[in-house]
Structure formats: C-alpha cells, structure tokens
Amino acid sequence: MEVTTYTFYSLVSERSGIQLIDADWSDRYGWLAVQQNRNRMECVANGVVFRPAVAVRFPIIRWVDSERVLLADARSDGSGHNVFLIDLHGTVRHSFCGGDGIEDIAVGREGIWISYFDEGVFGKGISTEGLVLFRFDGSPIWKYHSHLTDCPMIVDCYAINKGKASTLWLFPYSDFSLIQVDPFTKTWKRYEVPTVLRGSTALCVRGNYAYFGNSYHAKEELYSWNIGNGEPEKIGRIQGTVRGLGPKETSHFISVNDDSASVHTIVNPSEYGARHFTF
C-alpha cells in the first residue's frame, strides 16, 4: 500500500502576500481555492480569480456543480446568512444561515452536509444538532440528534466523509466510533475503532477500508484500517489541514497549507473486495 501526491495549486506567499485558506478538488470540475490576498478574500476556480461581495471571516469552500460553488463562514451570530451558493463570476445565487461553529461541509446530490465543533453544539440554534443535512435552498432535511436519539452524542464532529449514495460517515468526539448514517432510511451503523485512531481529524472511507489522519497519537500520520478487522496500518504522512474526499473522486484526501494544496491517492488493491460495507 502506498500514497501518491499531486500538488494542484501553489504560490509563494512571501512574495505575493497571499495566504491559502481552504481548497476543494473534483475529478469532474477541477480545483477550487479561497485565499486571503492582503486584506481581501478571493476565490480561484481552475486558475480564474473571482471576488464574491460577501463578508466571510473563516471561509470554507466546496464545489456544488460545474457552475456553482459553496462559500461558508464557519462562525455566525445566528442572525445573518453564512452559507452562500455563488456562480463562477462571484454572484451570490442563494444564501442561508448554516449555524455557528461549522467544522466541515460535504456536498452530495442529496444536499449539503454541515458538521459542527463544540462551540456550535453547545451554542444555540441548528448547530446543536452536531450534524445536519440541508437542501440546497437551506431548509434542513435531517438532523443528527433529533432523528437518531439512540446514536452516540456528537460533542465535536472531528471528521466527516461522503459515502455511497445518500450516506455519510462521521467520527465524533467523545465516543470516537466510526458511524455511517443514511438520512432517508434513518438508519445507522457503528464500528468500534482501535485506540491509536482516536482523535483523527481526517477520514476517508472506500469499500472495506477506512483511512484516518492526524490522530491524538500520531500527528500527520496516515493509517489504513480494514473496517472491523484487525489493527490499523501506518501507510504515510500528510502535512497541513487534511480532509477526506468523497467516493466519486480518484484521490482519497486533500491537504491545504499556507502556500499549496494537494490531493493524495492511496494505492490499495484490496480496497474493494468481496466484503463491502453498505446499507
């Protein structure tokens, strides 16, 4: 098992005064980034810069489709909109309040998944659910704590990863079990995870394997675990802010540093075998 890396965007921050904040990757749509250019926020889609006329302090950026991106502010006072659907000219096409304390966002055909860290979970409003699936108009479809009353509580949703069809994988504090949820069937599965993986902030699930990065015990280390079977295997290192990519992508992880963004692909011939986890 090996990990290959492709750096799709890089800049010399010392010369340009630009700091890269977040990025996204799609095999179909290409690459996407949000950066601070001196005192101004700007977005870049496949090398083309656009500047949305919105105030975002802690930006998160994701592809929605070939013509739209999602730009969100991780913090909100609850009174204004902090999730914006924007075209590639920078025009806001729709917006809504996604709650305070946004940890991560994953976009699928079923809608927009938003997870929250502890300040949101123990705050007010929609973020107290820990994990919410929104329609593209901003109305909630499914709420973790309300719809799964017997599931482990989310104190801080350390990592999420888009699964097959309408499913999502999550890795919540403080239980630190690997959980798969389906909002439409309102079903869930839970897998106990080896201790060395506790605290991981990056997660990717493909076939029979779950990959974890940046755990309490091994900063920047990447592990492979055959779900529910044996001990994890250390397979590499990824630096920067790391998160898992969905199953439609060739690569497994994306990483963002101050001056570069990369995707990382795990070569694992056993990834999809006879035993496959799904609903």
C-alpha atoms as a PDB file:
ATOM      1  CA  MET A   1       0.000   0.000   0.000  1.00  0.00           C
ATOM      2  CA  GLU A   2       1.406   3.408  -0.959  1.00  0.00           C
ATOM      3  CA  VAL A   3       0.316   7.063  -1.124  1.00  0.00           C
ATOM      4  CA  THR A   4       0.892   9.289  -4.157  1.00  0.00           C
ATOM      5  CA  THR A   5       0.620  13.097  -4.022  1.00  0.00           C
ATOM      6  CA  TYR A   6      -0.268  15.686  -6.655  1.00  0.00           C
ATOM      7  CA  THR A   7       0.081  19.393  -5.826  1.00  0.00           C
ATOM      8  CA  PHE A   8      -2.516  21.217  -7.924  1.00  0.00           C
ATOM      9  CA  TYR A   9      -2.018  24.753  -6.611  1.00  0.00           C
ATOM     10  CA  SER A  10       0.960  26.516  -5.093  1.00  0.00           C
ATOM     11  CA  LEU A  11       2.096  30.089  -4.533  1.00  0.00           C
ATOM     12  CA  VAL A  12       5.000  31.950  -2.979  1.00  0.00           C
ATOM     13  CA  SER A  13       3.303  33.655  -0.042  1.00  0.00           C
ATOM     14  CA  GLU A  14       6.387  35.672   0.937  1.00  0.00           C
ATOM     15  CA  ARG A  15       6.382  37.486  -2.406  1.00  0.00           C
ATOM     16  CA  SER A  16       2.693  37.691  -3.177  1.00  0.00           C
ATOM     17  CA  GLY A  17       1.232  38.441   0.234  1.00  0.00           C
ATOM     18  CA  ILE A  18      -1.365  35.706  -0.393  1.00  0.00           C
ATOM     19  CA  GLN A  19      -2.347  33.081   2.185  1.00  0.00           C
ATOM     20  CA  LEU A  20      -4.227  29.994   1.059  1.00  0.00           C
ATOM     21  CA  ILE A  21      -7.078  29.175   3.472  1.00  0.00           C
ATOM     22  CA  ASP A  22      -9.156  26.332   2.002  1.00  0.00           C
ATOM     23  CA  ALA A  23      -9.477  24.338  -1.210  1.00  0.00           C
ATOM     24  CA  ASP A  24     -11.536  21.662  -2.914  1.00  0.00           C
ATOM     25  CA  TRP A  25     -10.979  19.147  -5.679  1.00  0.00           C
ATOM     26  CA  SER A  26     -13.288  17.382  -8.132  1.00  0.00           C
ATOM     27  CA  ASP A  27     -12.291  14.977 -10.897  1.00  0.00           C
ATOM     28  CA  ARG A  28     -15.150  16.457 -12.970  1.00  0.00           C
ATOM     29  CA  TYR A  29     -14.870  20.175 -12.150  1.00  0.00           C
ATOM     30  CA  GLY A  30     -11.190  20.696 -11.303  1.00  0.00           C
ATOM     31  CA  TRP A  31      -9.730  22.621  -8.390  1.00  0.00           C
ATOM     32  CA  LEU A  32     -11.053  25.389  -6.219  1.00  0.00           C
ATOM     33  CA  ALA A  33      -9.446  27.621  -3.587  1.00  0.00           C
ATOM     34  CA  VAL A  34     -10.208  30.519  -1.267  1.00  0.00           C
ATOM     35  CA  GLN A  35      -7.345  32.743  -0.173  1.00  0.00           C
ATOM     36  CA  GLN A  36      -6.541  35.971   1.596  1.00  0.00           C
ATOM     37  CA  ASN A  37      -4.854  38.444  -0.739  1.00  0.00           C
ATOM     38  CA  ARG A  38      -3.543  41.029   1.698  1.00  0.00           C
ATOM     39  CA  ASN A  39      -6.798  42.374   3.213  1.00  0.00           C
ATOM     40  CA  ARG A  40      -9.148  40.930   0.628  1.00  0.00           C
ATOM     41  CA  MET A  41     -10.696  37.481   0.277  1.00  0.00           C
ATOM     42  CA  GLU A  42     -10.782  35.958  -3.193  1.00  0.00           C
ATOM     43  CA  CYS A  43     -11.764  32.652  -4.766  1.00  0.00           C
ATOM     44  CA  VAL A  44      -9.950  30.809  -7.535  1.00  0.00           C
ATOM     45  CA  ALA A  45     -11.520  28.167  -9.809  1.00  0.00           C
ATOM     46  CA  ASN A  46      -9.025  26.407 -12.065  1.00  0.00           C
ATOM     47  CA  GLY A  47      -6.819  29.497 -12.107  1.00  0.00           C
ATOM     48  CA  VAL A  48      -9.608  32.059 -12.649  1.00  0.00           C
ATOM     49  CA  VAL A  49      -9.990  34.561  -9.780  1.00  0.00           C
ATOM     50  CA  PHE A  50     -13.383  35.894  -8.683  1.00  0.00           C
ATOM     51  CA  ARG A  51     -14.296  38.015  -5.670  1.00  0.00           C
ATOM     52  CA  PRO A  52     -17.769  37.448  -4.168  1.00  0.00           C
ATOM     53  CA  ALA A  53     -19.284  40.502  -2.482  1.00  0.00           C
ATOM     54  CA  VAL A  54     -19.844  38.763   0.858  1.00  0.00           C
ATOM     55  CA  ALA A  55     -18.207  39.170   4.264  1.00  0.00           C
ATOM     56  CA  VAL A  56     -16.627  35.865   5.332  1.00  0.00           C
ATOM     57  CA  ARG A  57     -14.179  35.716   8.221  1.00  0.00           C
ATOM     58  CA  PHE A  58     -13.408  31.985   8.381  1.00  0.00           C
ATOM     59  CA  PRO A  59     -14.053  30.670   4.861  1.00  0.00           C
ATOM     60  CA  ILE A  60     -14.830  27.119   3.764  1.00  0.00           C
ATOM     61  CA  ILE A  61     -15.177  26.434   0.031  1.00  0.00           C
ATOM     62  CA  ARG A  62     -16.692  23.463  -1.856  1.00  0.00           C
ATOM     63  CA  TRP A  63     -17.831  22.598  -5.366  1.00  0.00           C
ATOM     64  CA  VAL A  64     -21.610  22.291  -5.823  1.00  0.00           C
ATOM     65  CA  ASP A  65     -21.663  21.615  -9.568  1.00  0.00           C
ATOM     66  CA  SER A  66     -19.896  22.819 -12.715  1.00  0.00           C
ATOM     67  CA  GLU A  67     -21.409  26.306 -12.401  1.00  0.00           C
ATOM     68  CA  ARG A  68     -21.688  26.891  -8.646  1.00  0.00           C
ATOM     69  CA  VAL A  69     -19.508  26.816  -5.559  1.00  0.00           C
ATOM     70  CA  LEU A  70     -20.404  26.952  -1.888  1.00  0.00           C
ATOM     71  CA  LEU A  71     -18.650  29.524   0.293  1.00  0.00           C
ATOM     72  CA  ALA A  72     -19.354  29.472   4.024  1.00  0.00           C
ATOM     73  CA  ASP A  73     -18.228  31.301   7.134  1.00  0.00           C
ATOM     74  CA  ALA A  74     -17.521  28.870   9.979  1.00  0.00           C
ATOM     75  CA  ARG A  75     -18.777  31.397  12.540  1.00  0.00           C
ATOM     76  CA  SER A  76     -22.187  33.032  12.753  1.00  0.00           C
ATOM     77  CA  ASP A  77     -24.117  35.083  15.299  1.00  0.00           C
ATOM     78  CA  GLY A  78     -27.287  33.309  14.175  1.00  0.00           C
ATOM     79  CA  SER A  79     -28.951  36.412  12.757  1.00  0.00           C
ATOM     80  CA  GLY A  80     -27.383  36.553   9.295  1.00  0.00           C
ATOM     81  CA  HIS A  81     -26.630  34.202   6.429  1.00  0.00           C
ATOM     82  CA  ASN A  82     -23.238  32.475   6.438  1.00  0.00           C
ATOM     83  CA  VAL A  83     -23.615  29.894   3.633  1.00  0.00           C
ATOM     84  CA  PHE A  84     -23.563  31.245   0.088  1.00  0.00           C
ATOM     85  CA  LEU A  85     -24.086  29.495  -3.259  1.00  0.00           C
ATOM     86  CA  ILE A  86     -22.122  31.515  -5.790  1.00  0.00           C
ATOM     87  CA  ASP A  87     -21.579  31.278  -9.533  1.00  0.00           C
ATOM     88  CA  LEU A  88     -18.115  31.417 -11.083  1.00  0.00           C
ATOM     89  CA  HIS A  89     -18.474  35.150 -11.701  1.00  0.00           C
ATOM     90  CA  GLY A  90     -18.837  35.762  -7.958  1.00  0.00           C
ATOM     91  CA  THR A  91     -22.588  36.434  -7.980  1.00  0.00           C
ATOM     92  CA  VAL A  92     -24.492  35.090  -4.978  1.00  0.00           C
ATOM     93  CA  ARG A  93     -27.360  32.937  -6.266  1.00  0.00           C
ATOM     94  CA  HIS A  94     -28.685  31.803  -2.893  1.00  0.00           C
ATOM     95  CA  SER A  95     -27.770  32.030   0.779  1.00  0.00           C
ATOM     96  CA  PHE A  96     -28.933  30.780   4.173  1.00  0.00           C
ATOM     97  CA  CYS A  97     -27.891  30.531   7.817  1.00  0.00           C
ATOM     98  CA  GLY A  98     -25.994  27.290   8.339  1.00  0.00           C
ATOM     99  CA  GLY A  99     -25.402  27.772  12.056  1.00  0.00           C
ATOM    100  CA  ASP A 100     -22.377  28.638  14.174  1.00  0.00           C
ATOM    101  CA  GLY A 101     -19.264  26.560  14.739  1.00  0.00           C
ATOM    102  CA  ILE A 102     -19.083  24.828  11.346  1.00  0.00           C
ATOM    103  CA  GLU A 103     -16.432  22.126  11.380  1.00  0.00           C
ATOM    104  CA  ASP A 104     -16.759  20.736   7.857  1.00  0.00           C
ATOM    105  CA  ILE A 105     -19.026  20.656   4.813  1.00  0.00           C
ATOM    106  CA  ALA A 106     -19.664  17.882   2.293  1.00  0.00           C
ATOM    107  CA  VAL A 107     -21.870  18.319  -0.770  1.00  0.00           C
ATOM    108  CA  GLY A 108     -23.761  15.454  -2.398  1.00  0.00           C
ATOM    109  CA  ARG A 109     -26.749  15.018  -4.692  1.00  0.00           C
ATOM    110  CA  GLU A 110     -28.886  14.671  -1.575  1.00  0.00           C
ATOM    111  CA  GLY A 111     -27.913  18.128  -0.292  1.00  0.00           C
ATOM    112  CA  ILE A 112     -25.373  19.933   1.873  1.00  0.00           C
ATOM    113  CA  TRP A 113     -23.954  18.182   4.944  1.00  0.00           C
ATOM    114  CA  ILE A 114     -22.711  20.523   7.682  1.00  0.00           C
ATOM    115  CA  SER A 115     -20.960  19.310  10.840  1.00  0.00           C
ATOM    116  CA  TYR A 116     -20.164  21.391  13.917  1.00  0.00           C
ATOM    117  CA  PHE A 117     -17.483  21.715  16.581  1.00  0.00           C
ATOM    118  CA  ASP A 118     -18.171  22.064  20.300  1.00  0.00           C
ATOM    119  CA  GLU A 119     -18.895  25.812  20.374  1.00  0.00           C
ATOM    120  CA  GLY A 120     -21.697  25.235  17.892  1.00  0.00           C
ATOM    121  CA  VAL A 121     -23.003  22.048  19.524  1.00  0.00           C
ATOM    122  CA  PHE A 122     -23.210  23.760  22.928  1.00  0.00           C
ATOM    123  CA  GLY A 123     -24.440  27.032  21.447  1.00  0.00           C
ATOM    124  CA  LYS A 124     -27.883  27.888  20.080  1.00  0.00           C
ATOM    125  CA  GLY A 125     -29.904  27.022  17.014  1.00  0.00           C
ATOM    126  CA  ILE A 126     -29.354  24.409  14.319  1.00  0.00           C
ATOM    127  CA  SER A 127     -25.703  23.767  15.257  1.00  0.00           C
ATOM    128  CA  THR A 128     -26.769  21.999  18.482  1.00  0.00           C
ATOM    129  CA  GLU A 129     -27.700  19.033  16.259  1.00  0.00           C
ATOM    130  CA  GLY A 130     -23.982  18.304  15.683  1.00  0.00           C
ATOM    131  CA  LEU A 131     -24.623  17.269  12.062  1.00  0.00           C
ATOM    132  CA  VAL A 132     -27.329  18.487   9.654  1.00  0.00           C
ATOM    133  CA  LEU A 133     -28.260  17.735   6.060  1.00  0.00           C
ATOM    134  CA  PHE A 134     -29.664  20.815   4.294  1.00  0.00           C
ATOM    135  CA  ARG A 135     -31.484  21.122   0.994  1.00  0.00           C
ATOM    136  CA  PHE A 136     -29.852  23.478  -1.481  1.00  0.00           C
ATOM    137  CA  ASP A 137     -32.428  26.118  -0.529  1.00  0.00           C
ATOM    138  CA  GLY A 138     -31.137  25.997   3.054  1.00  0.00           C
ATOM    139  CA  SER A 139     -34.023  24.117   4.673  1.00  0.00           C
ATOM    140  CA  PRO A 140     -32.975  21.188   6.868  1.00  0.00           C
ATOM    141  CA  ILE A 141     -33.790  17.653   5.694  1.00  0.00           C
ATOM    142  CA  TRP A 142     -32.312  15.669   8.559  1.00  0.00           C
ATOM    143  CA  LYS A 143     -30.836  16.421  11.995  1.00  0.00           C
ATOM    144  CA  TYR A 144     -28.498  14.035  13.800  1.00  0.00           C
ATOM    145  CA  HIS A 145     -29.561  14.471  17.427  1.00  0.00           C
ATOM    146  CA  SER A 146     -33.264  14.785  16.605  1.00  0.00           C
ATOM    147  CA  HIS A 147     -33.523  11.846  14.216  1.00  0.00           C
ATOM    148  CA  LEU A 148     -31.027   9.437  15.820  1.00  0.00           C
ATOM    149  CA  THR A 149     -31.824   9.590  19.523  1.00  0.00           C
ATOM    150  CA  ASP A 150     -30.084   6.252  20.198  1.00  0.00           C
ATOM    151  CA  CYS A 151     -26.852   7.187  18.393  1.00  0.00           C
ATOM    152  CA  PRO A 152     -23.713   8.392  20.250  1.00  0.00           C
ATOM    153  CA  MET A 153     -23.929  12.110  21.038  1.00  0.00           C
ATOM    154  CA  ILE A 154     -21.805  14.491  18.982  1.00  0.00           C
ATOM    155  CA  VAL A 155     -19.825  16.783  21.286  1.00  0.00           C
ATOM    156  CA  ASP A 156     -17.497  17.813  18.450  1.00  0.00           C
ATOM    157  CA  CYS A 157     -17.698  16.245  14.992  1.00  0.00           C
ATOM    158  CA  TYR A 158     -13.992  15.696  14.328  1.00  0.00           C
ATOM    159  CA  ALA A 159     -14.369  14.400  10.757  1.00  0.00           C
ATOM    160  CA  ILE A 160     -16.955  13.575   8.099  1.00  0.00           C
ATOM    161  CA  ASN A 161     -16.705  11.880   4.713  1.00  0.00           C
ATOM    162  CA  LYS A 162     -19.277  11.462   1.972  1.00  0.00           C
ATOM    163  CA  GLY A 163     -20.315   7.843   1.492  1.00  0.00           C
ATOM    164  CA  LYS A 164     -22.077   5.926  -1.258  1.00  0.00           C
ATOM    165  CA  ALA A 165     -25.494   7.177  -2.403  1.00  0.00           C
ATOM    166  CA  SER A 166     -27.037   9.373   0.303  1.00  0.00           C
ATOM    167  CA  THR A 167     -24.874   8.125   3.189  1.00  0.00           C
ATOM    168  CA  LEU A 168     -22.297   9.972   5.276  1.00  0.00           C
ATOM    169  CA  TRP A 169     -19.507   8.701   7.525  1.00  0.00           C
ATOM    170  CA  LEU A 170     -18.580  10.576  10.693  1.00  0.00           C
ATOM    171  CA  PHE A 171     -16.073  10.314  13.521  1.00  0.00           C
ATOM    172  CA  PRO A 172     -17.421  12.177  16.577  1.00  0.00           C
ATOM    173  CA  TYR A 173     -15.900  13.173  19.884  1.00  0.00           C
ATOM    174  CA  SER A 174     -16.084  11.809  22.519  1.00  0.00           C
ATOM    175  CA  ASP A 175     -17.244   8.331  21.515  1.00  0.00           C
ATOM    176  CA  PHE A 176     -14.749   8.083  18.631  1.00  0.00           C
ATOM    177  CA  SER A 177     -16.546   5.275  16.874  1.00  0.00           C
ATOM    178  CA  LEU A 178     -16.878   5.185  13.106  1.00  0.00           C
ATOM    179  CA  ILE A 179     -20.524   5.848  12.223  1.00  0.00           C
ATOM    180  CA  GLN A 180     -22.370   5.612   8.918  1.00  0.00           C
ATOM    181  CA  VAL A 181     -25.757   7.322   8.610  1.00  0.00           C
ATOM    182  CA  ASP A 182     -28.446   7.351   5.936  1.00  0.00           C
ATOM    183  CA  PRO A 183     -30.830  10.310   6.380  1.00  0.00           C
ATOM    184  CA  PHE A 184     -33.572   8.937   4.165  1.00  0.00           C
ATOM    185  CA  THR A 185     -33.870   5.475   5.705  1.00  0.00           C
ATOM    186  CA  LYS A 186     -32.991   6.949   9.134  1.00  0.00           C
ATOM    187  CA  THR A 187     -30.628   4.029   9.740  1.00  0.00           C
ATOM    188  CA  TRP A 188     -27.100   3.951  11.080  1.00  0.00           C
ATOM    189  CA  LYS A 189     -24.184   1.619  11.702  1.00  0.00           C
ATOM    190  CA  ARG A 190     -21.413   1.933  14.270  1.00  0.00           C
ATOM    191  CA  TYR A 191     -17.924   0.386  14.324  1.00  0.00           C
ATOM    192  CA  GLU A 192     -15.554   0.437  17.278  1.00  0.00           C
ATOM    193  CA  VAL A 193     -12.201   1.876  16.236  1.00  0.00           C
ATOM    194  CA  PRO A 194      -8.704   0.965  17.530  1.00  0.00           C
ATOM    195  CA  THR A 195      -7.325   3.322  20.182  1.00  0.00           C
ATOM    196  CA  VAL A 196      -4.458   4.611  18.021  1.00  0.00           C
ATOM    197  CA  LEU A 197      -7.005   6.236  15.661  1.00  0.00           C
ATOM    198  CA  ARG A 198      -8.810   8.235  18.352  1.00  0.00           C
ATOM    199  CA  GLY A 199      -8.844  11.973  17.745  1.00  0.00           C
ATOM    200  CA  SER A 200      -8.336  11.721  13.970  1.00  0.00           C
ATOM    201  CA  THR A 201      -9.458  14.850  12.160  1.00  0.00           C
ATOM    202  CA  ALA A 202      -9.248  13.407   8.628  1.00  0.00           C
ATOM    203  CA  LEU A 203     -11.361  10.480   7.439  1.00  0.00           C
ATOM    204  CA  CYS A 204     -11.917   8.716   4.132  1.00  0.00           C
ATOM    205  CA  VAL A 205     -13.913   5.500   3.670  1.00  0.00           C
ATOM    206  CA  ARG A 206     -13.650   3.469   0.473  1.00  0.00           C
ATOM    207  CA  GLY A 207     -15.006  -0.049   0.154  1.00  0.00           C
ATOM    208  CA  ASN A 208     -13.817  -2.205   3.048  1.00  0.00           C
ATOM    209  CA  TYR A 209     -11.239   0.311   4.277  1.00  0.00           C
ATOM    210  CA  ALA A 210     -11.288   3.430   6.408  1.00  0.00           C
ATOM    211  CA  TYR A 211      -8.312   5.797   6.300  1.00  0.00           C
ATOM    212  CA  PHE A 212      -7.564   8.104   9.223  1.00  0.00           C
ATOM    213  CA  GLY A 213      -5.184  11.044   9.551  1.00  0.00           C
ATOM    214  CA  ASN A 214      -3.864  13.315  12.296  1.00  0.00           C
ATOM    215  CA  SER A 215      -4.905  11.342  15.387  1.00  0.00           C
ATOM    216  CA  TYR A 216      -4.080  12.171  19.011  1.00  0.00           C
ATOM    217  CA  HIS A 217      -1.273   9.616  18.956  1.00  0.00           C
ATOM    218  CA  ALA A 218       0.238  10.304  15.541  1.00  0.00           C
ATOM    219  CA  LYS A 219       0.130  13.848  14.170  1.00  0.00           C
ATOM    220  CA  GLU A 220       0.362  13.982  10.358  1.00  0.00           C
ATOM    221  CA  GLU A 221       0.410  10.164  10.174  1.00  0.00           C
ATOM    222  CA  LEU A 222      -1.969   8.367   7.822  1.00  0.00           C
ATOM    223  CA  TYR A 223      -3.442   4.981   8.778  1.00  0.00           C
ATOM    224  CA  SER A 224      -5.368   2.325   6.878  1.00  0.00           C
ATOM    225  CA  TRP A 225      -7.859   0.121   8.709  1.00  0.00           C
ATOM    226  CA  ASN A 226      -9.799  -2.829   7.323  1.00  0.00           C
ATOM    227  CA  ILE A 227     -13.110  -1.908   8.963  1.00  0.00           C
ATOM    228  CA  GLY A 228     -13.860  -4.082  11.987  1.00  0.00           C
ATOM    229  CA  ASN A 229     -10.946  -6.413  11.262  1.00  0.00           C
ATOM    230  CA  GLY A 230      -7.569  -6.244  12.983  1.00  0.00           C
ATOM    231  CA  GLU A 231      -5.199  -3.391  13.726  1.00  0.00           C
ATOM    232  CA  PRO A 232      -4.577  -0.302  11.568  1.00  0.00           C
ATOM    233  CA  GLU A 233      -1.520   0.006   9.348  1.00  0.00           C
ATOM    234  CA  LYS A 234       0.581   3.150   9.106  1.00  0.00           C
ATOM    235  CA  ILE A 235       0.889   3.993   5.399  1.00  0.00           C
ATOM    236  CA  GLY A 236       2.288   7.512   5.124  1.00  0.00           C
ATOM    237  CA  ARG A 237       2.261  11.157   6.212  1.00  0.00           C
ATOM    238  CA  ILE A 238       0.242  14.154   5.086  1.00  0.00           C
ATOM    239  CA  GLN A 239       1.018  17.666   6.302  1.00  0.00           C
ATOM    240  CA  GLY A 240      -1.318  20.619   6.587  1.00  0.00           C
ATOM    241  CA  THR A 241      -5.068  20.715   7.096  1.00  0.00           C
ATOM    242  CA  VAL A 242      -6.354  17.399   5.763  1.00  0.00           C
ATOM    243  CA  ARG A 243      -9.824  16.058   4.962  1.00  0.00           C
ATOM    244  CA  GLY A 244     -11.233  13.101   3.067  1.00  0.00           C
ATOM    245  CA  LEU A 245     -12.693  13.279  -0.426  1.00  0.00           C
ATOM    246  CA  GLY A 246     -15.886  11.505  -1.487  1.00  0.00           C
ATOM    247  CA  PRO A 247     -16.131   8.159  -3.307  1.00  0.00           C
ATOM    248  CA  LYS A 248     -16.604   9.783  -6.741  1.00  0.00           C
ATOM    249  CA  GLU A 249     -13.034  11.091  -6.642  1.00  0.00           C
ATOM    250  CA  THR A 250      -9.916   9.163  -7.602  1.00  0.00           C
ATOM    251  CA  SER A 251      -7.915  10.682  -4.747  1.00  0.00           C
ATOM    252  CA  HIS A 252      -8.684   9.952  -1.106  1.00  0.00           C
ATOM    253  CA  PHE A 253      -7.556  13.131   0.702  1.00  0.00           C
ATOM    254  CA  ILE A 254      -6.968  16.815   0.085  1.00  0.00           C
ATOM    255  CA  SER A 255      -4.484  18.865   2.114  1.00  0.00           C
ATOM    256  CA  VAL A 256      -4.081  22.627   2.410  1.00  0.00           C
ATOM    257  CA  ASN A 257      -1.043  24.530   3.654  1.00  0.00           C
ATOM    258  CA  ASP A 258      -0.477  28.301   3.694  1.00  0.00           C
ATOM    259  CA  ASP A 259       1.007  28.201   0.185  1.00  0.00           C
ATOM    260  CA  SER A 260      -0.109  24.962  -1.506  1.00  0.00           C
ATOM    261  CA  ALA A 261      -2.946  22.486  -1.936  1.00  0.00           C
ATOM    262  CA  SER A 262      -2.562  18.818  -2.869  1.00  0.00           C
ATOM    263  CA  VAL A 263      -4.564  15.644  -3.366  1.00  0.00           C
ATOM    264  CA  HIS A 264      -3.370  12.266  -2.101  1.00  0.00           C
ATOM    265  CA  THR A 265      -4.255   8.902  -3.613  1.00  0.00           C
ATOM    266  CA  ILE A 266      -3.906   5.604  -1.758  1.00  0.00           C
ATOM    267  CA  VAL A 267      -2.953   2.608  -3.884  1.00  0.00           C
ATOM    268  CA  ASN A 268      -4.709  -0.323  -2.199  1.00  0.00           C
ATOM    269  CA  PRO A 269      -5.620  -3.290  -4.444  1.00  0.00           C
ATOM    270  CA  SER A 270      -7.738  -4.773  -1.632  1.00  0.00           C
ATOM    271  CA  GLU A 271      -9.890  -1.671  -1.158  1.00  0.00           C
ATOM    272  CA  TYR A 272     -12.961  -3.135  -2.838  1.00  0.00           C
ATOM    273  CA  GLY A 273     -13.171  -6.851  -2.129  1.00  0.00           C
ATOM    274  CA  ALA A 274     -15.907  -9.425  -1.629  1.00  0.00           C
ATOM    275  CA  ARG A 275     -16.807  -7.866   1.742  1.00  0.00           C
ATOM    276  CA  HIS A 276     -18.218  -4.400   1.197  1.00  0.00           C
ATOM    277  CA  PHE A 277     -19.837  -2.149   3.807  1.00  0.00           C
ATOM    278  CA  THR A 278     -23.076  -0.536   2.708  1.00  0.00           C
ATOM    279  CA  PHE A 279     -26.667  -0.211   3.767  1.00  0.00           C
END
